[in-house]
Amino acid sequence: MTDTQALATLRDIDARFHRLFEAVDTADETAATPSADPLATLRRARSQIDAALFEHQRRTDDGTLPDGGSCILQWDPPRTPPRRLILDPDSDGDSWTQCELEWTGESWRVCGRNTVNNVAIRAPAEPRYPDPVDPPKIDTLLELIRGSWGNPNPDVLVFGPTASTEQGVLVAVDDELRYREVDSYRWYTVTDEEELYHHLQQQGQPAIQSLSETPLTRLHFTPSPLTNDDR
């Protein structure tokens, strides 16, 4: 008999006990009968079944990882690249490898790795959060904004502000990448995409937005970068 079948059998027996006790409690009997001792035995048995069912439910609700499973936590910290923390059980079963990673715009870069012991994990019984997925690559984001400049409200790539840098906006004008920060007097042409990876490291993962969602307009990117100082 499998664990699932055993639990189903216990629940069925428990329900039968419950109906039996209800019938006995409501019966019109005022004197003790020889069945009193057997009923007490049944009640003790039912209490043990209840305890077993409760313990199984508690273990299920704990939502702990199964043996051999890795635990992955991913988040987007403000003004820095996405981060990922992986706890991976070692083959000996007594220790775990803790690995910290940072998104580069192309792949995950290992920032640190060490061995930890006595790992305890608690997770929600019901899934509340999405499974970790890789953020979109810079190349993928660029493909999404290319060719949109001809639209009335083109898509742009927005890098968040930091303590020392204002929000940056990247547009694709006739396949030319132009970058400008909202407090800058001019835009400049991005000729090396490595610059974008630098912005990601300094300002975090960029987001696709429409140009109208930013403080800048088309005019901030269309004049010559040598003559747009008054913009």
C-alpha atoms as a PDB file:
ATOM      1  CA  MET A   1       0.000   0.000   0.000  1.00  0.00           C
ATOM      2  CA  THR A   2       1.382   3.404  -0.955  1.00  0.00           C
ATOM      3  CA  ASP A   3       1.531   6.376   1.421  1.00  0.00           C
ATOM      4  CA  THR A   4      -1.332   8.017  -0.464  1.00  0.00           C
ATOM      5  CA  GLN A   5      -3.507   4.913  -0.162  1.00  0.00           C
ATOM      6  CA  ALA A   6      -2.647   4.557   3.530  1.00  0.00           C
ATOM      7  CA  LEU A   7      -3.643   8.160   4.202  1.00  0.00           C
ATOM      8  CA  ALA A   8      -6.903   7.683   2.318  1.00  0.00           C
ATOM      9  CA  THR A   9      -7.652   4.582   4.403  1.00  0.00           C
ATOM     10  CA  LEU A  10      -6.904   6.435   7.641  1.00  0.00           C
ATOM     11  CA  ARG A  11      -9.187   9.293   6.635  1.00  0.00           C
ATOM     12  CA  ASP A  12     -11.973   6.832   5.802  1.00  0.00           C
ATOM     13  CA  ILE A  13     -11.601   5.054   9.162  1.00  0.00           C
ATOM     14  CA  ASP A  14     -11.512   8.405  10.932  1.00  0.00           C
ATOM     15  CA  ALA A  15     -14.756   9.474   9.248  1.00  0.00           C
ATOM     16  CA  ARG A  16     -16.436   6.184  10.195  1.00  0.00           C
ATOM     17  CA  PHE A  17     -15.354   6.614  13.836  1.00  0.00           C
ATOM     18  CA  HIS A  18     -16.752  10.135  13.837  1.00  0.00           C
ATOM     19  CA  ARG A  19     -20.153   8.994  12.559  1.00  0.00           C
ATOM     20  CA  LEU A  20     -20.201   6.134  15.079  1.00  0.00           C
ATOM     21  CA  PHE A  21     -19.481   8.431  18.028  1.00  0.00           C
ATOM     22  CA  GLU A  22     -22.158  10.877  16.894  1.00  0.00           C
ATOM     23  CA  ALA A  23     -24.695   8.045  16.814  1.00  0.00           C
ATOM     24  CA  VAL A  24     -23.674   6.823  20.279  1.00  0.00           C
ATOM     25  CA  ASP A  25     -23.686  10.312  21.813  1.00  0.00           C
ATOM     26  CA  THR A  26     -27.188  11.036  20.536  1.00  0.00           C
ATOM     27  CA  ALA A  27     -28.631   7.649  21.503  1.00  0.00           C
ATOM     28  CA  ASP A  28     -31.194   7.648  24.274  1.00  0.00           C
ATOM     29  CA  GLU A  29     -29.132   5.633  26.754  1.00  0.00           C
ATOM     30  CA  THR A  30     -28.833   6.623  30.372  1.00  0.00           C
ATOM     31  CA  ALA A  31     -27.175   3.573  31.863  1.00  0.00           C
ATOM     32  CA  ALA A  32     -23.685   2.305  31.345  1.00  0.00           C
ATOM     33  CA  THR A  33     -23.411  -0.642  29.005  1.00  0.00           C
ATOM     34  CA  PRO A  34     -20.679  -3.205  28.331  1.00  0.00           C
ATOM     35  CA  SER A  35     -19.845  -1.238  25.196  1.00  0.00           C
ATOM     36  CA  ALA A  36     -18.341   1.634  27.218  1.00  0.00           C
ATOM     37  CA  ASP A  37     -14.848   0.207  27.335  1.00  0.00           C
ATOM     38  CA  PRO A  38     -14.740  -0.660  23.616  1.00  0.00           C
ATOM     39  CA  LEU A  39     -15.894   2.876  22.824  1.00  0.00           C
ATOM     40  CA  ALA A  40     -13.117   4.322  24.952  1.00  0.00           C
ATOM     41  CA  THR A  41     -10.660   2.173  23.042  1.00  0.00           C
ATOM     42  CA  LEU A  42     -12.067   3.411  19.743  1.00  0.00           C
ATOM     43  CA  ARG A  43     -11.799   7.016  20.900  1.00  0.00           C
ATOM     44  CA  ARG A  44      -8.144   6.509  21.797  1.00  0.00           C
ATOM     45  CA  ALA A  45      -7.546   4.941  18.391  1.00  0.00           C
ATOM     46  CA  ARG A  46      -9.231   7.873  16.674  1.00  0.00           C
ATOM     47  CA  SER A  47      -7.114  10.369  18.601  1.00  0.00           C
ATOM     48  CA  GLN A  48      -3.993   8.570  17.401  1.00  0.00           C
ATOM     49  CA  ILE A  49      -5.249   8.685  13.815  1.00  0.00           C
ATOM     50  CA  ASP A  50      -5.989  12.404  14.200  1.00  0.00           C
ATOM     51  CA  ALA A  51      -2.448  12.975  15.431  1.00  0.00           C
ATOM     52  CA  ALA A  52      -1.008  11.072  12.464  1.00  0.00           C
ATOM     53  CA  LEU A  53      -3.136  13.024   9.988  1.00  0.00           C
ATOM     54  CA  PHE A  54      -2.227  16.326  11.636  1.00  0.00           C
ATOM     55  CA  GLU A  55       1.490  15.533  11.512  1.00  0.00           C
ATOM     56  CA  HIS A  56       1.262  14.640   7.822  1.00  0.00           C
ATOM     57  CA  GLN A  57      -0.607  17.882   7.112  1.00  0.00           C
ATOM     58  CA  ARG A  58       2.005  19.865   9.046  1.00  0.00           C
ATOM     59  CA  ARG A  59       4.841  18.336   7.027  1.00  0.00           C
ATOM     60  CA  THR A  60       2.972  19.084   3.809  1.00  0.00           C
ATOM     61  CA  ASP A  61       2.263  22.684   4.801  1.00  0.00           C
ATOM     62  CA  ASP A  62       5.909  23.288   5.679  1.00  0.00           C
ATOM     63  CA  GLY A  63       6.691  23.231   1.963  1.00  0.00           C
ATOM     64  CA  THR A  64      10.266  22.114   2.520  1.00  0.00           C
ATOM     65  CA  LEU A  65      12.346  21.044  -0.439  1.00  0.00           C
ATOM     66  CA  PRO A  66      12.528  17.337  -1.273  1.00  0.00           C
ATOM     67  CA  ASP A  67      15.779  15.495  -0.701  1.00  0.00           C
ATOM     68  CA  GLY A  68      18.339  16.360  -3.355  1.00  0.00           C
ATOM     69  CA  GLY A  69      16.596  19.589  -4.437  1.00  0.00           C
ATOM     70  CA  SER A  70      18.291  22.931  -4.970  1.00  0.00           C
ATOM     71  CA  CYS A  71      16.902  26.155  -3.551  1.00  0.00           C
ATOM     72  CA  ILE A  72      17.055  29.210  -5.847  1.00  0.00           C
ATOM     73  CA  LEU A  73      16.301  32.767  -4.773  1.00  0.00           C
ATOM     74  CA  GLN A  74      16.358  35.556  -7.362  1.00  0.00           C
ATOM     75  CA  TRP A  75      15.645  39.264  -6.984  1.00  0.00           C
ATOM     76  CA  ASP A  76      16.242  42.670  -8.592  1.00  0.00           C
ATOM     77  CA  PRO A  77      18.039  44.965  -6.140  1.00  0.00           C
ATOM     78  CA  PRO A  78      17.681  48.699  -6.825  1.00  0.00           C
ATOM     79  CA  ARG A  79      20.327  50.256  -9.076  1.00  0.00           C
ATOM     80  CA  THR A  80      22.338  47.047  -9.366  1.00  0.00           C
ATOM     81  CA  PRO A  81      22.096  43.994 -11.648  1.00  0.00           C
ATOM     82  CA  PRO A  82      19.728  41.118 -10.841  1.00  0.00           C
ATOM     83  CA  ARG A  83      21.043  38.689  -8.256  1.00  0.00           C
ATOM     84  CA  ARG A  84      20.611  34.980  -7.700  1.00  0.00           C
ATOM     85  CA  LEU A  85      21.411  32.824  -4.666  1.00  0.00           C
ATOM     86  CA  ILE A  86      21.583  29.051  -5.072  1.00  0.00           C
ATOM     87  CA  LEU A  87      21.789  26.500  -2.262  1.00  0.00           C
ATOM     88  CA  ASP A  88      22.744  23.159  -3.758  1.00  0.00           C
ATOM     89  CA  PRO A  89      22.985  20.015  -1.582  1.00  0.00           C
ATOM     90  CA  ASP A  90      26.307  18.219  -1.866  1.00  0.00           C
ATOM     91  CA  SER A  91      26.554  14.530  -2.650  1.00  0.00           C
ATOM     92  CA  ASP A  92      27.461  13.655   0.946  1.00  0.00           C
ATOM     93  CA  GLY A  93      24.060  14.888   2.106  1.00  0.00           C
ATOM     94  CA  ASP A  94      25.548  16.760   5.077  1.00  0.00           C
ATOM     95  CA  SER A  95      26.576  20.066   3.511  1.00  0.00           C
ATOM     96  CA  TRP A  96      25.378  22.529   0.901  1.00  0.00           C
ATOM     97  CA  THR A  97      27.151  24.726  -1.624  1.00  0.00           C
ATOM     98  CA  GLN A  98      26.072  28.358  -1.481  1.00  0.00           C
ATOM     99  CA  CYS A  99      26.611  30.178  -4.761  1.00  0.00           C
ATOM    100  CA  GLU A 100      25.996  33.893  -5.335  1.00  0.00           C
ATOM    101  CA  LEU A 101      25.581  35.101  -8.910  1.00  0.00           C
ATOM    102  CA  GLU A 102      25.134  38.437 -10.676  1.00  0.00           C
ATOM    103  CA  TRP A 103      23.503  39.044 -14.067  1.00  0.00           C
ATOM    104  CA  THR A 104      25.886  40.563 -16.617  1.00  0.00           C
ATOM    105  CA  GLY A 105      23.358  41.247 -19.350  1.00  0.00           C
ATOM    106  CA  GLU A 106      24.424  38.080 -21.133  1.00  0.00           C
ATOM    107  CA  SER A 107      24.744  35.380 -18.469  1.00  0.00           C
ATOM    108  CA  TRP A 108      25.180  34.779 -14.743  1.00  0.00           C
ATOM    109  CA  ARG A 109      28.575  35.582 -13.231  1.00  0.00           C
ATOM    110  CA  VAL A 110      29.661  33.799 -10.061  1.00  0.00           C
ATOM    111  CA  CYS A 111      30.437  36.338  -7.326  1.00  0.00           C
ATOM    112  CA  GLY A 112      31.096  33.946  -4.483  1.00  0.00           C
ATOM    113  CA  ARG A 113      30.922  30.309  -3.523  1.00  0.00           C
ATOM    114  CA  ASN A 114      31.295  28.547  -0.191  1.00  0.00           C
ATOM    115  CA  THR A 115      30.123  25.502   1.757  1.00  0.00           C
ATOM    116  CA  VAL A 116      27.467  25.825   4.463  1.00  0.00           C
ATOM    117  CA  ASN A 117      26.128  23.335   6.993  1.00  0.00           C
ATOM    118  CA  ASN A 118      22.960  22.862   9.033  1.00  0.00           C
ATOM    119  CA  VAL A 119      20.742  24.400   6.356  1.00  0.00           C
ATOM    120  CA  ALA A 120      17.088  24.892   7.325  1.00  0.00           C
ATOM    121  CA  ILE A 121      14.498  26.044   4.793  1.00  0.00           C
ATOM    122  CA  ARG A 122      10.925  27.195   5.193  1.00  0.00           C
ATOM    123  CA  ALA A 123       8.757  28.016   2.190  1.00  0.00           C
ATOM    124  CA  PRO A 124       5.049  28.791   1.668  1.00  0.00           C
ATOM    125  CA  ALA A 125       2.810  25.729   1.476  1.00  0.00           C
ATOM    126  CA  GLU A 126       1.212  27.128  -1.672  1.00  0.00           C
ATOM    127  CA  PRO A 127       3.296  28.620  -4.512  1.00  0.00           C
ATOM    128  CA  ARG A 128       3.233  32.408  -4.191  1.00  0.00           C
ATOM    129  CA  TYR A 129       6.131  33.426  -6.380  1.00  0.00           C
ATOM    130  CA  PRO A 130       7.118  32.679  -9.985  1.00  0.00           C
ATOM    131  CA  ASP A 131       9.929  30.308 -10.819  1.00  0.00           C
ATOM    132  CA  PRO A 132      13.275  32.079 -11.344  1.00  0.00           C
ATOM    133  CA  VAL A 133      13.982  32.861 -14.992  1.00  0.00           C
ATOM    134  CA  ASP A 134      16.916  34.571 -16.653  1.00  0.00           C
ATOM    135  CA  PRO A 135      16.396  38.294 -17.305  1.00  0.00           C
ATOM    136  CA  PRO A 136      16.311  39.253 -20.995  1.00  0.00           C
ATOM    137  CA  LYS A 137      19.737  39.679 -22.539  1.00  0.00           C
ATOM    138  CA  ILE A 138      20.938  43.055 -23.775  1.00  0.00           C
ATOM    139  CA  ASP A 139      20.915  41.759 -27.355  1.00  0.00           C
ATOM    140  CA  THR A 140      17.277  40.715 -26.956  1.00  0.00           C
ATOM    141  CA  LEU A 141      16.305  44.123 -25.579  1.00  0.00           C
ATOM    142  CA  LEU A 142      18.065  45.898 -28.446  1.00  0.00           C
ATOM    143  CA  GLU A 143      16.142  43.830 -30.977  1.00  0.00           C
ATOM    144  CA  LEU A 144      12.908  44.982 -29.347  1.00  0.00           C
ATOM    145  CA  ILE A 145      13.654  48.694 -29.765  1.00  0.00           C
ATOM    146  CA  ARG A 146      15.248  48.537 -33.213  1.00  0.00           C
ATOM    147  CA  GLY A 147      12.889  49.581 -35.980  1.00  0.00           C
ATOM    148  CA  SER A 148      10.425  51.272 -33.614  1.00  0.00           C
ATOM    149  CA  TRP A 149      11.645  54.863 -34.126  1.00  0.00           C
ATOM    150  CA  GLY A 150       9.250  55.277 -37.037  1.00  0.00           C
ATOM    151  CA  ASN A 151       6.323  54.757 -34.672  1.00  0.00           C
ATOM    152  CA  PRO A 152       4.636  57.801 -33.091  1.00  0.00           C
ATOM    153  CA  ASN A 153       5.695  56.545 -29.668  1.00  0.00           C
ATOM    154  CA  PRO A 154       8.802  54.389 -30.114  1.00  0.00           C
ATOM    155  CA  ASP A 155      10.057  51.814 -27.642  1.00  0.00           C
ATOM    156  CA  VAL A 156      13.205  52.751 -25.740  1.00  0.00           C
ATOM    157  CA  LEU A 157      15.523  51.154 -23.224  1.00  0.00           C
ATOM    158  CA  VAL A 158      15.525  52.853 -19.814  1.00  0.00           C
ATOM    159  CA  PHE A 159      18.294  52.571 -17.227  1.00  0.00           C
ATOM    160  CA  GLY A 160      17.278  53.567 -13.719  1.00  0.00           C
ATOM    161  CA  PRO A 161      18.805  56.495 -11.825  1.00  0.00           C
ATOM    162  CA  THR A 162      21.433  56.119  -9.123  1.00  0.00           C
ATOM    163  CA  ALA A 163      22.752  58.383  -6.394  1.00  0.00           C
ATOM    164  CA  SER A 164      25.184  59.958  -8.870  1.00  0.00           C
ATOM    165  CA  THR A 165      23.504  59.329 -12.244  1.00  0.00           C
ATOM    166  CA  GLU A 166      20.155  60.390 -13.644  1.00  0.00           C
ATOM    167  CA  GLN A 167      17.842  58.093 -15.572  1.00  0.00           C
ATOM    168  CA  GLY A 168      19.343  57.101 -18.921  1.00  0.00           C
ATOM    169  CA  VAL A 169      17.369  56.496 -22.118  1.00  0.00           C
ATOM    170  CA  LEU A 170      18.598  54.536 -25.134  1.00  0.00           C
ATOM    171  CA  VAL A 171      16.861  54.873 -28.505  1.00  0.00           C
ATOM    172  CA  ALA A 172      17.489  53.333 -31.922  1.00  0.00           C
ATOM    173  CA  VAL A 173      17.277  55.993 -34.652  1.00  0.00           C
ATOM    174  CA  ASP A 174      17.682  54.364 -38.063  1.00  0.00           C
ATOM    175  CA  ASP A 175      19.544  51.518 -36.340  1.00  0.00           C
ATOM    176  CA  GLU A 176      21.886  53.987 -34.654  1.00  0.00           C
ATOM    177  CA  LEU A 177      21.904  53.640 -30.874  1.00  0.00           C
ATOM    178  CA  ARG A 178      21.706  56.980 -29.064  1.00  0.00           C
ATOM    179  CA  TYR A 179      21.977  57.359 -25.303  1.00  0.00           C
ATOM    180  CA  ARG A 180      21.072  60.347 -23.173  1.00  0.00           C
ATOM    181  CA  GLU A 181      20.578  60.979 -19.489  1.00  0.00           C
ATOM    182  CA  VAL A 182      17.634  63.174 -18.563  1.00  0.00           C
ATOM    183  CA  ASP A 183      19.830  65.933 -17.109  1.00  0.00           C
ATOM    184  CA  SER A 184      22.353  65.866 -19.953  1.00  0.00           C
ATOM    185  CA  TYR A 185      22.701  68.600 -22.571  1.00  0.00           C
ATOM    186  CA  ARG A 186      23.340  66.146 -25.389  1.00  0.00           C
ATOM    187  CA  TRP A 187      23.050  62.571 -26.530  1.00  0.00           C
ATOM    188  CA  TYR A 188      25.899  60.438 -27.771  1.00  0.00           C
ATOM    189  CA  THR A 189      26.122  57.526 -30.158  1.00  0.00           C
ATOM    190  CA  VAL A 190      26.742  54.094 -28.679  1.00  0.00           C
ATOM    191  CA  THR A 191      29.257  52.475 -30.997  1.00  0.00           C
ATOM    192  CA  ASP A 192      30.331  49.701 -28.652  1.00  0.00           C
ATOM    193  CA  GLU A 193      27.602  47.658 -26.982  1.00  0.00           C
ATOM    194  CA  GLU A 194      29.997  46.948 -24.120  1.00  0.00           C
ATOM    195  CA  GLU A 195      29.041  50.419 -22.882  1.00  0.00           C
ATOM    196  CA  LEU A 196      25.538  49.110 -22.242  1.00  0.00           C
ATOM    197  CA  TYR A 197      26.873  46.312 -20.060  1.00  0.00           C
ATOM    198  CA  HIS A 198      28.707  48.984 -18.074  1.00  0.00           C
ATOM    199  CA  HIS A 199      25.439  50.900 -17.608  1.00  0.00           C
ATOM    200  CA  LEU A 200      23.759  47.684 -16.463  1.00  0.00           C
ATOM    201  CA  GLN A 201      26.442  47.108 -13.833  1.00  0.00           C
ATOM    202  CA  GLN A 202      26.098  50.681 -12.585  1.00  0.00           C
ATOM    203  CA  GLN A 203      22.331  51.187 -12.902  1.00  0.00           C
ATOM    204  CA  GLY A 204      20.766  47.734 -12.933  1.00  0.00           C
ATOM    205  CA  GLN A 205      18.764  45.797 -15.503  1.00  0.00           C
ATOM    206  CA  PRO A 206      17.175  48.188 -18.052  1.00  0.00           C
ATOM    207  CA  ALA A 207      13.490  48.089 -18.912  1.00  0.00           C
ATOM    208  CA  ILE A 208      11.585  48.494 -22.161  1.00  0.00           C
ATOM    209  CA  GLN A 209       9.287  51.529 -22.054  1.00  0.00           C
ATOM    210  CA  SER A 210       7.653  53.840 -24.535  1.00  0.00           C
ATOM    211  CA  LEU A 211       9.394  57.167 -25.059  1.00  0.00           C
ATOM    212  CA  SER A 212       6.366  59.030 -23.700  1.00  0.00           C
ATOM    213  CA  GLU A 213       6.907  57.332 -20.324  1.00  0.00           C
ATOM    214  CA  THR A 214      10.236  59.147 -19.952  1.00  0.00           C
ATOM    215  CA  PRO A 215      10.935  62.880 -19.456  1.00  0.00           C
ATOM    216  CA  LEU A 216      12.553  63.013 -22.915  1.00  0.00           C
ATOM    217  CA  THR A 217      10.996  63.470 -26.360  1.00  0.00           C
ATOM    218  CA  ARG A 218      12.006  62.724 -29.939  1.00  0.00           C
ATOM    219  CA  LEU A 219      13.565  66.194 -30.201  1.00  0.00           C
ATOM    220  CA  HIS A 220      16.074  65.264 -27.513  1.00  0.00           C
ATOM    221  CA  PHE A 221      17.570  62.671 -29.875  1.00  0.00           C
ATOM    222  CA  THR A 222      17.102  64.041 -33.393  1.00  0.00           C
ATOM    223  CA  PRO A 223      19.337  67.169 -33.541  1.00  0.00           C
ATOM    224  CA  SER A 224      23.025  66.742 -34.118  1.00  0.00           C
ATOM    225  CA  PRO A 225      24.856  65.931 -30.876  1.00  0.00           C
ATOM    226  CA  LEU A 226      27.153  68.869 -31.694  1.00  0.00           C
ATOM    227  CA  THR A 227      24.338  71.413 -31.875  1.00  0.00           C
ATOM    228  CA  ASN A 228      21.794  70.255 -29.301  1.00  0.00           C
ATOM    229  CA  ASP A 229      23.351  71.870 -26.229  1.00  0.00           C
ATOM    230  CA  ASP A 230      20.222  73.948 -25.672  1.00  0.00           C
ATOM    231  CA  ARG A 231      17.974  70.910 -25.405  1.00  0.00           C
END
